[in-house]
Amino acid sequence: MPRKFLLILSGALLLTLVFAVPALAETYTFGDVRASVAIPEEFEQVLTPYNLGTNREWLEEHGLDHDALSNSFDQEGILLMAYDEEEGRTLVITALRDVDGQTYFDLNNQDEAMRKEFRTSHTNGTAYGILGYTYTSAKWANYGKNALRFLQTEYTLRQEGELICAGYQRRTIRNGYTITLDMQIRGRTPKAADNTLLEKVMKTWEFTEVLPMPALPIKLSLTSAPPAETSEATFTIKGTTAKKAKVTAMLFSLGTVGGQTFTDTANNSGNFAIKVTLPSQGVYSLTLTAELEGSITAQRLYSVTFKQGMLPVELQVTPGDSLDDETIVSGTTESGTKIQLSVSGPVPFNKTVTGNKFSFKVDTHAEGTYQFVLTASKKGMRERTFSFTGTRAYTDSERDEKIRGNAKKMAYANLSKTENQGKSIWEEGYITSMTQSINEWVVTLALTKSGSAYKDICYLICQERPNYPMETKVKIYGTAAGTYTVLSEDGNVKSYPRIDVSIIDPAT
């Protein structure tokens, strides 16, 4: 649920430092949440509600106000903030006794329909969307018997059009708290290494005690939720709850006083349908409740924007700031809508479809920055345009894997041919000499050896000195780069194949 509407029922949560694993990690416990986690050494500074006073000097050096930060810890349920300044990332762990915490209490003990509703609320924009969060992915992961289910997400946070941060989250609801481990990245694009570090933290997360499920609000599951955007004044909310429960949609227009109420009573199968009519164009807050005598009331909160002539577009999966080899852009709109996606970057893309659903699969395997422009148009309605920017950046291991996978063996006679310059190649041979130049190492590689004689000589250009002894047989990966000329002992100029080297492995 959006934090604007969160109901915080408790004050600061008990957090104590228990012990330190020498030179590796410090373990923290969170009393009310009944959980613990180890913070690895990559984080140089860790703040908790209880050590802010002893870190005033550090706070001042980093432009942080002690009182303001202390208030944020209390109001936002922050348990811990860990800083990795070298890499520009901050781990923020929060726990809130909010509406979701009351509704689900423990996601592991909810049925599949309720868990699906919680998961999809992230990607369809109904969860935290009013705060500016856009989730490009949300999937479940099981972290073992001491942690169980957490939702893995990737997100961006924008406020008033400005990018605040991006990153990765792990979120669950247990012991009545909505618990989030948030790896926030500022000043750069998130990368796989950030997510890997968050996974390292998650492997240490444990619930030290699991409380029994209390009496929970009655089930309230929607099959047709309120639209985030609409060009029609009327829409219908459908779903299931307890039989004979009273379901109420209370509508408030932002900036005005008073509201409207629409109701229905669930039938014997628990099904209900509420027809809602918006009185005028604008932005509305909609509170949906299900009530039954003797049961705890269930509640959901939504934001609805109504503009006549506006073409409603619900984006379900959008590009994040950090891209993988393949990027999905998908969503829903009105039937008969033409949707075009144009992508500029290392691998251009352009495709147009017509209908009420769309899903584009974009090849983003090549490194670089991609610009996505999604345009939706329909006769008689205003055109909608959405823009995204994402970057595909390889990790060192990914880059090496792609270099190895793309390289081809080439005959010695073809290595120096003009038409082969720039091609990815691999060769096996023996290191016969190494010479350091100004900014590089020049290495000779003999592809064949007969007795003590070396033949088929290539000149390798390496950025660093190869960590191999002379006459070692190695396998090199690089690009054909024409010829390398040398002056022989008899004064003649001789040319040999040149290879610009990326990787040197032991020979297989």
Protein backbone atom coordinates (compact mmCIF):
# COMPACT_ATOMS: atom_id res chain seq x y z
CA MET A 1 0.00 0.00 0.00
CA PRO A 2 1.24 3.55 -0.59
CA ARG A 3 3.04 4.87 2.45
CA LYS A 4 0.93 8.02 2.33
CA PHE A 5 -1.87 5.91 3.69
CA LEU A 6 0.17 3.64 5.95
CA LEU A 7 -1.08 3.23 9.50
CA ILE A 8 1.92 2.99 11.82
CA LEU A 9 0.76 1.32 14.99
CA SER A 10 4.00 1.13 16.93
CA GLY A 11 6.90 3.39 17.81
CA ALA A 12 10.55 2.62 17.36
CA LEU A 13 11.36 -1.06 17.09
CA LEU A 14 13.87 -2.72 19.39
CA LEU A 15 17.22 -3.21 17.68
CA THR A 16 20.36 -4.41 19.40
CA LEU A 17 23.86 -5.30 18.29
CA VAL A 18 24.47 -8.90 19.25
CA PHE A 19 27.90 -9.92 18.06
CA ALA A 20 30.41 -9.41 15.32
CA VAL A 21 31.77 -12.05 13.02
CA PRO A 22 35.48 -11.15 12.91
CA ALA A 23 36.45 -9.20 9.78
CA LEU A 24 33.35 -10.36 7.94
CA ALA A 25 29.99 -9.06 9.15
CA GLU A 26 28.06 -7.65 12.06
CA THR A 27 24.79 -9.28 13.04
CA TYR A 28 21.83 -7.20 14.21
CA THR A 29 18.57 -8.35 15.77
CA PHE A 30 15.22 -6.59 15.52
CA GLY A 31 13.23 -7.36 18.65
CA ASP A 32 9.65 -6.52 17.71
CA VAL A 33 10.06 -7.96 14.21
CA ARG A 34 11.70 -11.08 15.71
CA ALA A 35 14.39 -11.24 13.06
CA SER A 36 18.14 -10.87 12.56
CA VAL A 37 20.50 -10.07 9.70
CA ALA A 38 24.25 -9.84 9.10
CA ILE A 39 25.60 -6.71 7.41
CA PRO A 40 28.72 -7.57 5.34
CA GLU A 41 31.98 -5.64 5.40
CA GLU A 42 31.25 -3.90 2.09
CA PHE A 43 29.25 -1.38 4.14
CA GLU A 44 31.63 0.95 5.97
CA GLN A 45 29.00 2.71 8.11
CA VAL A 46 25.85 1.33 9.74
CA LEU A 47 23.25 3.56 11.40
CA THR A 48 20.50 2.37 13.73
CA PRO A 49 17.99 4.26 15.88
CA TYR A 50 20.34 3.68 18.81
CA ASN A 51 23.70 4.83 17.47
CA LEU A 52 22.77 8.11 15.77
CA GLY A 53 23.99 10.06 18.80
CA THR A 54 27.42 8.45 18.74
CA ASN A 55 27.76 9.13 15.00
CA ARG A 56 27.02 12.87 15.00
CA GLU A 57 30.42 13.71 13.50
CA TRP A 58 29.90 11.27 10.63
CA LEU A 59 26.39 12.65 10.05
CA GLU A 60 27.68 16.22 9.90
CA GLU A 61 30.45 15.25 7.46
CA HIS A 62 27.79 13.80 5.17
CA GLY A 63 25.35 16.68 5.46
CA LEU A 64 22.79 14.73 7.53
CA ASP A 65 20.83 16.34 10.34
CA HIS A 66 20.64 14.20 13.46
CA ASP A 67 17.13 15.26 14.52
CA ALA A 68 15.65 14.98 11.02
CA LEU A 69 17.18 11.56 10.50
CA SER A 70 16.00 10.36 13.91
CA ASN A 71 12.48 11.47 13.02
CA SER A 72 12.70 9.58 9.70
CA PHE A 73 13.75 6.43 11.53
CA ASP A 74 10.67 6.70 13.76
CA GLN A 75 8.10 7.69 11.15
CA GLU A 76 9.26 5.38 8.36
CA GLY A 77 9.99 2.36 10.53
CA ILE A 78 13.69 2.34 9.60
CA LEU A 79 15.58 -0.38 11.45
CA LEU A 80 18.97 0.11 9.85
CA MET A 81 20.82 2.08 7.17
CA ALA A 82 24.14 0.76 5.86
CA TYR A 83 26.39 2.84 3.58
CA ASP A 84 28.81 1.63 0.91
CA GLU A 85 30.20 5.03 -0.13
CA GLU A 86 32.79 3.65 -2.53
CA GLU A 87 30.10 2.04 -4.70
CA GLY A 88 27.40 4.67 -4.09
CA ARG A 89 24.80 2.38 -2.55
CA THR A 90 22.79 2.36 0.66
CA LEU A 91 20.97 -0.56 2.25
CA VAL A 92 17.81 0.54 4.08
CA ILE A 93 15.86 -1.97 6.15
CA THR A 94 12.35 -0.97 7.26
CA ALA A 95 9.51 -2.66 9.15
CA LEU A 96 6.02 -1.12 9.36
CA ARG A 97 2.87 -2.24 11.09
CA ASP A 98 0.81 -0.88 8.22
CA VAL A 99 -2.46 -1.75 6.50
CA ASP A 100 -0.82 -4.60 4.57
CA GLY A 101 0.68 -5.94 7.80
CA GLN A 102 -2.78 -6.03 9.37
CA THR A 103 -4.37 -7.55 6.27
CA TYR A 104 -1.90 -10.36 5.56
CA PHE A 105 0.07 -10.68 8.84
CA ASP A 106 2.12 -13.52 7.29
CA LEU A 107 2.22 -13.96 3.51
CA ASN A 108 3.41 -17.53 3.94
CA ASN A 109 0.05 -18.42 5.48
CA GLN A 110 -2.10 -16.69 2.85
CA ASP A 111 -3.60 -18.50 -0.12
CA GLU A 112 -2.20 -18.18 -3.64
CA ALA A 113 -4.82 -15.61 -4.71
CA MET A 114 -3.89 -13.25 -1.88
CA ARG A 115 -0.15 -13.61 -2.56
CA LYS A 116 -0.70 -12.99 -6.27
CA GLU A 117 -2.68 -9.84 -5.49
CA PHE A 118 0.18 -8.58 -3.29
CA ARG A 119 2.79 -9.34 -5.97
CA THR A 120 0.89 -7.82 -8.90
CA SER A 121 0.06 -4.70 -6.89
CA HIS A 122 3.72 -3.76 -7.36
CA THR A 123 3.95 -4.15 -11.12
CA ASN A 124 0.52 -2.65 -11.87
CA GLY A 125 1.34 0.51 -9.93
CA THR A 126 -1.23 0.27 -7.14
CA ALA A 127 1.43 -0.37 -4.47
CA TYR A 128 3.60 2.66 -3.67
CA GLY A 129 2.81 4.20 -7.06
CA ILE A 130 1.47 7.38 -5.48
CA LEU A 131 4.91 7.90 -3.93
CA GLY A 132 6.60 7.69 -7.33
CA TYR A 133 7.79 4.07 -7.30
CA THR A 134 7.78 2.15 -10.59
CA TYR A 135 8.42 -1.58 -10.28
CA THR A 136 9.77 -3.20 -13.44
CA SER A 137 9.75 -6.71 -11.98
CA ALA A 138 8.33 -8.56 -8.98
CA LYS A 139 8.73 -12.29 -8.36
CA TRP A 140 8.77 -14.58 -5.35
CA ALA A 141 11.89 -16.22 -3.94
CA ASN A 142 12.21 -18.70 -1.08
CA TYR A 143 15.17 -18.00 1.22
CA GLY A 144 14.95 -21.18 3.26
CA LYS A 145 13.02 -22.34 6.30
CA ASN A 146 14.22 -19.46 8.52
CA ALA A 147 13.11 -16.75 6.08
CA LEU A 148 10.71 -18.27 3.50
CA ARG A 149 9.03 -16.00 0.94
CA PHE A 150 10.32 -12.58 -0.04
CA LEU A 151 9.28 -10.60 -3.10
CA GLN A 152 12.25 -9.73 -5.32
CA THR A 153 11.75 -6.40 -7.10
CA GLU A 154 13.61 -3.90 -9.24
CA TYR A 155 12.39 -0.30 -9.14
CA THR A 156 12.94 3.37 -9.85
CA LEU A 157 11.76 6.21 -7.62
CA ARG A 158 10.88 9.55 -9.19
CA GLN A 159 9.34 12.58 -7.54
CA GLU A 160 8.08 15.52 -9.59
CA GLY A 161 9.77 13.97 -12.61
CA GLU A 162 13.19 13.83 -10.98
CA LEU A 163 14.95 10.50 -10.46
CA ILE A 164 15.58 10.10 -6.73
CA CYS A 165 17.11 6.64 -6.76
CA ALA A 166 16.80 3.20 -8.28
CA GLY A 167 17.64 -0.24 -7.03
CA TYR A 168 16.48 -3.60 -5.80
CA GLN A 169 14.20 -4.61 -2.94
CA ARG A 170 13.25 -7.72 -1.00
CA ARG A 171 9.85 -7.47 0.70
CA THR A 172 7.67 -9.73 2.80
CA ILE A 173 4.98 -9.53 5.47
CA ARG A 174 5.54 -11.53 8.63
CA ASN A 175 4.71 -11.17 12.30
CA GLY A 176 2.38 -8.35 11.31
CA TYR A 177 5.07 -6.15 9.73
CA THR A 178 5.73 -5.17 6.14
CA ILE A 179 9.49 -5.74 5.96
CA THR A 180 11.62 -4.28 3.17
CA LEU A 181 15.34 -4.61 2.47
CA ASP A 182 16.06 -1.85 -0.04
CA MET A 183 19.36 -1.52 -1.93
CA GLN A 184 19.23 2.12 -3.05
CA ILE A 185 21.51 3.36 -5.83
CA ARG A 186 22.10 7.07 -6.41
CA GLY A 187 24.19 8.83 -9.04
CA ARG A 188 24.58 5.84 -11.33
CA THR A 189 22.73 2.94 -12.94
CA PRO A 190 22.09 -0.12 -10.77
CA LYS A 191 24.11 -3.15 -11.80
CA ALA A 192 24.08 -6.87 -11.18
CA ALA A 193 26.72 -6.53 -8.46
CA ASP A 194 24.29 -4.44 -6.38
CA ASN A 195 21.65 -7.16 -6.58
CA THR A 196 24.30 -9.78 -5.78
CA LEU A 197 25.27 -7.90 -2.62
CA LEU A 198 21.60 -7.71 -1.58
CA GLU A 199 21.35 -11.47 -2.10
CA LYS A 200 24.40 -11.86 0.15
CA VAL A 201 22.53 -9.97 2.87
CA MET A 202 19.35 -11.98 2.28
CA LYS A 203 21.17 -15.26 2.85
CA THR A 204 21.78 -14.15 6.43
CA TRP A 205 18.20 -13.01 7.16
CA GLU A 206 16.42 -15.11 9.78
CA PHE A 207 13.18 -14.89 11.69
CA THR A 208 14.05 -15.82 15.24
CA GLU A 209 10.38 -16.38 16.15
CA VAL A 210 7.20 -16.71 14.09
CA LEU A 211 4.01 -15.57 15.76
CA PRO A 212 0.79 -17.55 15.32
CA MET A 213 -1.73 -16.12 12.90
CA PRO A 214 -4.27 -13.93 14.71
CA ALA A 215 -7.82 -13.30 13.56
CA LEU A 216 -7.36 -11.45 10.27
CA PRO A 217 -9.60 -9.18 8.22
CA ILE A 218 -12.04 -11.05 6.02
CA LYS A 219 -10.78 -11.96 2.57
CA LEU A 220 -11.03 -9.23 -0.05
CA SER A 221 -9.70 -10.28 -3.45
CA LEU A 222 -10.40 -8.33 -6.66
CA THR A 223 -10.94 -9.67 -10.16
CA SER A 224 -11.51 -6.15 -11.54
CA ALA A 225 -9.73 -3.41 -9.59
CA PRO A 226 -10.30 0.34 -9.83
CA PRO A 227 -8.40 1.76 -12.82
CA ALA A 228 -5.38 3.92 -12.17
CA GLU A 229 -6.45 6.01 -15.19
CA THR A 230 -9.77 6.30 -16.96
CA SER A 231 -11.48 8.42 -19.61
CA GLU A 232 -14.93 7.18 -18.57
CA ALA A 233 -16.81 8.49 -15.56
CA THR A 234 -18.13 5.02 -14.65
CA PHE A 235 -16.32 1.76 -13.87
CA THR A 236 -17.14 -1.43 -11.96
CA ILE A 237 -15.14 -3.03 -9.15
CA LYS A 238 -15.54 -6.81 -8.93
CA GLY A 239 -14.17 -9.41 -6.56
CA THR A 240 -14.80 -11.96 -3.83
CA THR A 241 -15.08 -11.74 -0.07
CA ALA A 242 -17.04 -13.46 2.71
CA LYS A 243 -20.64 -14.24 1.78
CA LYS A 244 -23.12 -11.53 2.79
CA ALA A 245 -20.28 -9.10 3.59
CA LYS A 246 -20.97 -5.43 2.90
CA VAL A 247 -18.47 -3.97 0.44
CA THR A 248 -18.10 -0.18 0.30
CA ALA A 249 -16.19 2.05 -2.10
CA MET A 250 -15.63 5.47 -0.54
CA LEU A 251 -14.50 8.11 -3.02
CA PHE A 252 -12.67 11.33 -2.15
CA SER A 253 -11.54 13.97 -4.61
CA LEU A 254 -8.08 15.24 -3.72
CA GLY A 255 -8.27 18.87 -2.69
CA THR A 256 -11.99 18.85 -1.80
CA VAL A 257 -13.99 18.13 1.34
CA GLY A 258 -16.48 15.26 1.57
CA GLY A 259 -16.87 12.19 -0.57
CA GLN A 260 -19.25 9.69 -2.12
CA THR A 261 -20.07 6.13 -1.14
CA PHE A 262 -21.02 3.13 -3.33
CA THR A 263 -21.95 -0.25 -1.83
CA ASP A 264 -22.85 -3.85 -2.63
CA THR A 265 -23.48 -7.00 -0.58
CA ALA A 266 -21.63 -10.18 -1.53
CA ASN A 267 -23.82 -13.09 -2.59
CA ASN A 268 -23.70 -16.62 -1.17
CA SER A 269 -20.60 -17.32 -3.26
CA GLY A 270 -18.85 -14.22 -1.93
CA ASN A 271 -18.99 -12.38 -5.26
CA PHE A 272 -19.68 -8.65 -5.43
CA ALA A 273 -19.76 -5.87 -8.04
CA ILE A 274 -19.78 -2.15 -7.27
CA LYS A 275 -20.55 0.41 -9.95
CA VAL A 276 -18.67 3.66 -9.27
CA THR A 277 -19.46 6.97 -10.95
CA LEU A 278 -16.94 9.80 -10.78
CA PRO A 279 -18.67 13.19 -10.51
CA SER A 280 -16.04 15.18 -12.42
CA GLN A 281 -12.56 15.04 -13.87
CA GLY A 282 -9.72 14.93 -11.39
CA VAL A 283 -7.63 12.73 -9.10
CA TYR A 284 -9.45 10.58 -6.55
CA SER A 285 -8.57 8.50 -3.52
CA LEU A 286 -10.72 5.38 -3.32
CA THR A 287 -11.00 3.32 -0.14
CA LEU A 288 -12.54 -0.15 -0.55
CA THR A 289 -13.71 -1.95 2.59
CA ALA A 290 -15.39 -5.28 3.27
CA GLU A 291 -17.33 -5.62 6.56
CA LEU A 292 -19.13 -8.50 8.23
CA GLU A 293 -20.49 -8.55 11.76
CA GLY A 294 -18.16 -10.50 14.03
CA SER A 295 -15.24 -10.22 11.58
CA ILE A 296 -12.36 -7.78 11.18
CA THR A 297 -12.88 -5.28 8.37
CA ALA A 298 -10.67 -5.61 5.27
CA GLN A 299 -9.46 -2.50 3.48
CA ARG A 300 -7.76 -1.54 0.20
CA LEU A 301 -6.60 1.90 -0.97
CA TYR A 302 -6.37 3.14 -4.58
CA SER A 303 -5.71 6.28 -6.59
CA VAL A 304 -7.83 6.99 -9.71
CA THR A 305 -7.21 9.72 -12.31
CA PHE A 306 -10.18 10.69 -14.51
CA LYS A 307 -9.71 12.77 -17.66
CA GLN A 308 -12.19 12.82 -20.53
CA GLY A 309 -10.58 11.98 -23.83
CA MET A 310 -7.54 10.49 -22.11
CA LEU A 311 -6.49 7.13 -23.48
CA PRO A 312 -6.00 4.88 -20.43
CA VAL A 313 -2.72 2.97 -20.53
CA GLU A 314 -1.67 0.64 -17.72
CA LEU A 315 2.00 -0.26 -17.93
CA GLN A 316 2.65 -3.63 -16.34
CA VAL A 317 6.34 -4.23 -17.14
CA THR A 318 8.64 -1.34 -18.07
CA PRO A 319 12.40 -1.03 -18.58
CA GLY A 320 14.47 -0.40 -15.50
CA ASP A 321 17.55 1.78 -15.39
CA SER A 322 19.62 -1.43 -15.48
CA LEU A 323 18.89 -3.81 -18.39
CA ASP A 324 19.49 -7.50 -18.99
CA ASP A 325 20.01 -9.28 -22.32
CA GLU A 326 16.27 -9.06 -22.98
CA THR A 327 13.80 -6.35 -21.94
CA ILE A 328 10.02 -6.65 -21.81
CA VAL A 329 7.59 -3.74 -22.20
CA SER A 330 3.97 -4.73 -21.63
CA GLY A 331 0.62 -3.38 -20.51
CA THR A 332 -3.06 -2.95 -21.26
CA THR A 333 -5.21 -0.25 -22.83
CA GLU A 334 -8.51 0.07 -24.68
CA SER A 335 -9.38 -2.20 -27.61
CA GLY A 336 -8.51 -0.82 -31.02
CA THR A 337 -5.50 1.12 -29.72
CA LYS A 338 -2.35 1.33 -31.85
CA ILE A 339 0.76 0.89 -29.74
CA GLN A 340 4.22 1.58 -31.13
CA LEU A 341 7.51 0.94 -29.38
CA SER A 342 10.65 2.54 -30.80
CA VAL A 343 14.04 1.82 -29.25
CA SER A 344 17.27 3.58 -30.18
CA GLY A 345 20.61 2.30 -28.97
CA PRO A 346 23.13 -0.44 -29.72
CA VAL A 347 20.32 -2.72 -31.00
CA PRO A 348 17.51 -0.61 -32.59
CA PHE A 349 13.90 -1.83 -32.38
CA ASN A 350 10.60 -0.66 -33.85
CA LYS A 351 7.28 -2.47 -33.77
CA THR A 352 3.59 -1.56 -33.82
CA VAL A 353 0.63 -3.65 -32.64
CA THR A 354 -3.11 -2.96 -32.32
CA GLY A 355 -5.39 -4.18 -29.52
CA ASN A 356 -6.06 -3.84 -25.82
CA LYS A 357 -2.96 -5.74 -24.70
CA PHE A 358 0.65 -5.37 -25.75
CA SER A 359 3.94 -7.04 -24.95
CA PHE A 360 7.21 -6.22 -26.70
CA LYS A 361 10.34 -8.34 -26.30
CA VAL A 362 13.41 -6.19 -27.00
CA ASP A 363 16.95 -7.44 -27.60
CA THR A 364 19.19 -5.45 -25.24
CA HIS A 365 22.14 -7.83 -25.07
CA ALA A 366 24.69 -5.31 -26.37
CA GLU A 367 26.33 -2.89 -23.95
CA GLY A 368 25.20 0.71 -24.03
CA THR A 369 22.28 3.03 -23.33
CA TYR A 370 18.84 2.39 -24.82
CA GLN A 371 16.07 4.98 -25.28
CA PHE A 372 12.52 3.54 -25.24
CA VAL A 373 9.56 5.54 -26.57
CA LEU A 374 6.12 3.94 -26.27
CA THR A 375 3.26 5.68 -28.10
CA ALA A 376 -0.43 4.74 -27.76
CA SER A 377 -3.03 6.30 -30.06
CA LYS A 378 -6.72 5.82 -30.83
CA LYS A 379 -9.09 7.86 -32.93
CA GLY A 380 -10.95 10.46 -30.92
CA MET A 381 -8.59 10.25 -27.92
CA ARG A 382 -5.42 12.06 -26.92
CA GLU A 383 -2.19 10.29 -27.83
CA ARG A 384 -0.08 9.04 -24.93
CA THR A 385 3.71 8.85 -24.95
CA PHE A 386 5.94 7.17 -22.36
CA SER A 387 9.73 7.39 -22.35
CA PHE A 388 12.29 5.25 -20.55
CA THR A 389 16.07 5.08 -20.51
CA GLY A 390 18.04 1.99 -19.54
CA THR A 391 21.65 0.90 -19.71
CA ARG A 392 23.03 -2.56 -20.42
CA ALA A 393 26.35 -2.84 -18.58
CA TYR A 394 28.25 -6.11 -18.38
CA THR A 395 29.89 -7.35 -15.25
CA ASP A 396 33.48 -8.50 -15.71
CA SER A 397 32.38 -12.13 -15.72
CA GLU A 398 29.58 -11.44 -18.22
CA ARG A 399 31.95 -9.58 -20.50
CA ASP A 400 34.49 -12.42 -20.42
CA GLU A 401 31.76 -14.99 -21.03
CA LYS A 402 30.52 -13.10 -24.11
CA ILE A 403 34.04 -12.65 -25.45
CA ARG A 404 34.68 -16.38 -25.17
CA GLY A 405 31.30 -17.25 -26.67
CA ASN A 406 31.68 -14.96 -29.70
CA ALA A 407 35.27 -15.88 -30.60
CA LYS A 408 36.04 -18.10 -33.61
CA LYS A 409 39.19 -20.04 -34.50
CA MET A 410 40.94 -18.60 -37.55
CA ALA A 411 43.65 -20.06 -39.75
CA TYR A 412 47.07 -18.43 -39.34
CA ALA A 413 47.18 -17.33 -42.98
CA ASN A 414 43.91 -15.38 -42.53
CA LEU A 415 44.72 -13.57 -39.30
CA SER A 416 46.33 -10.52 -40.90
CA LYS A 417 43.91 -10.12 -43.83
CA THR A 418 42.22 -6.73 -44.02
CA GLU A 419 38.71 -8.21 -44.26
CA ASN A 420 39.19 -10.00 -40.92
CA GLN A 421 40.20 -6.97 -38.88
CA GLY A 422 37.94 -6.49 -35.88
CA LYS A 423 36.68 -10.07 -35.84
CA SER A 424 36.57 -11.93 -32.53
CA ILE A 425 39.00 -14.83 -32.53
CA TRP A 426 40.69 -17.33 -30.29
CA GLU A 427 44.02 -19.09 -30.75
CA GLU A 428 46.18 -21.52 -28.79
CA GLY A 429 49.95 -21.23 -28.69
CA TYR A 430 53.14 -20.82 -26.70
CA ILE A 431 54.36 -17.58 -25.11
CA THR A 432 57.89 -16.96 -26.42
CA SER A 433 58.62 -13.37 -25.34
CA MET A 434 57.22 -10.38 -23.42
CA THR A 435 58.21 -6.73 -23.80
CA GLN A 436 56.74 -3.79 -21.92
CA SER A 437 55.88 -0.76 -24.01
CA ILE A 438 54.63 2.60 -22.69
CA ASN A 439 51.01 1.62 -21.96
CA GLU A 440 50.93 -2.03 -22.96
CA TRP A 441 52.73 -5.34 -23.18
CA VAL A 442 53.84 -6.83 -26.50
CA VAL A 443 53.85 -10.63 -26.36
CA THR A 444 54.86 -13.10 -29.05
CA LEU A 445 52.79 -16.25 -29.40
CA ALA A 446 53.85 -19.24 -31.49
CA LEU A 447 50.81 -21.21 -32.67
CA THR A 448 52.86 -24.30 -33.49
CA LYS A 449 55.93 -25.99 -32.01
CA SER A 450 58.11 -28.61 -33.63
CA GLY A 451 60.75 -29.92 -31.25
CA SER A 452 62.37 -26.79 -29.90
CA ALA A 453 61.40 -24.67 -32.91
CA TYR A 454 58.44 -22.26 -32.74
CA LYS A 455 56.44 -21.35 -35.84
CA ASP A 456 53.42 -19.31 -36.91
CA ILE A 457 54.32 -16.31 -34.79
CA CYS A 458 51.67 -13.73 -33.76
CA TYR A 459 52.16 -10.49 -31.87
CA LEU A 460 49.74 -9.96 -29.00
CA ILE A 461 48.94 -6.52 -27.61
CA CYS A 462 47.98 -6.86 -23.92
CA GLN A 463 46.98 -4.16 -21.42
CA GLU A 464 48.62 -6.03 -18.56
CA ARG A 465 51.53 -8.42 -18.27
CA PRO A 466 50.33 -12.02 -18.79
CA ASN A 467 50.70 -13.99 -15.58
CA TYR A 468 52.30 -16.99 -17.28
CA PRO A 469 55.91 -18.21 -17.55
CA MET A 470 57.71 -18.32 -20.86
CA GLU A 471 56.94 -21.27 -23.15
CA THR A 472 53.60 -21.85 -21.40
CA LYS A 473 50.83 -22.98 -23.72
CA VAL A 474 47.81 -20.66 -23.43
CA LYS A 475 44.49 -19.94 -25.10
CA ILE A 476 43.96 -16.29 -26.01
CA TYR A 477 40.77 -14.41 -26.93
CA GLY A 478 40.80 -11.09 -28.75
CA THR A 479 40.28 -9.34 -32.07
CA ALA A 480 42.29 -9.60 -35.28
CA ALA A 481 44.04 -6.23 -35.73
CA GLY A 482 45.95 -6.47 -39.02
CA THR A 483 49.74 -6.72 -38.92
CA TYR A 484 52.57 -5.92 -36.54
CA THR A 485 55.91 -4.99 -38.15
CA VAL A 486 59.31 -5.61 -36.61
CA LEU A 487 62.92 -5.11 -37.71
CA SER A 488 64.69 -8.45 -37.97
CA GLU A 489 68.31 -9.08 -37.00
CA ASP A 490 69.36 -8.89 -40.66
CA GLY A 491 67.83 -5.42 -40.96
CA ASN A 492 64.72 -6.43 -42.90
CA VAL A 493 61.19 -5.38 -41.97
CA LYS A 494 58.91 -8.33 -41.30
CA SER A 495 55.15 -8.38 -40.72
CA TYR A 496 53.24 -10.73 -38.44
CA PRO A 497 49.56 -11.07 -37.50
CA ARG A 498 48.56 -8.70 -34.68
CA ILE A 499 45.90 -9.66 -32.10
CA ASP A 500 44.52 -7.26 -29.52
CA VAL A 501 44.02 -9.52 -26.52
CA SER A 502 41.13 -9.46 -24.05
CA ILE A 503 41.56 -12.74 -22.16
CA ILE A 504 44.36 -15.26 -21.68
CA ASP A 505 43.40 -18.67 -20.28
CA PRO A 506 45.43 -21.83 -19.73
CA ALA A 507 45.37 -24.06 -22.81
CA THR A 508 42.80 -26.84 -22.70
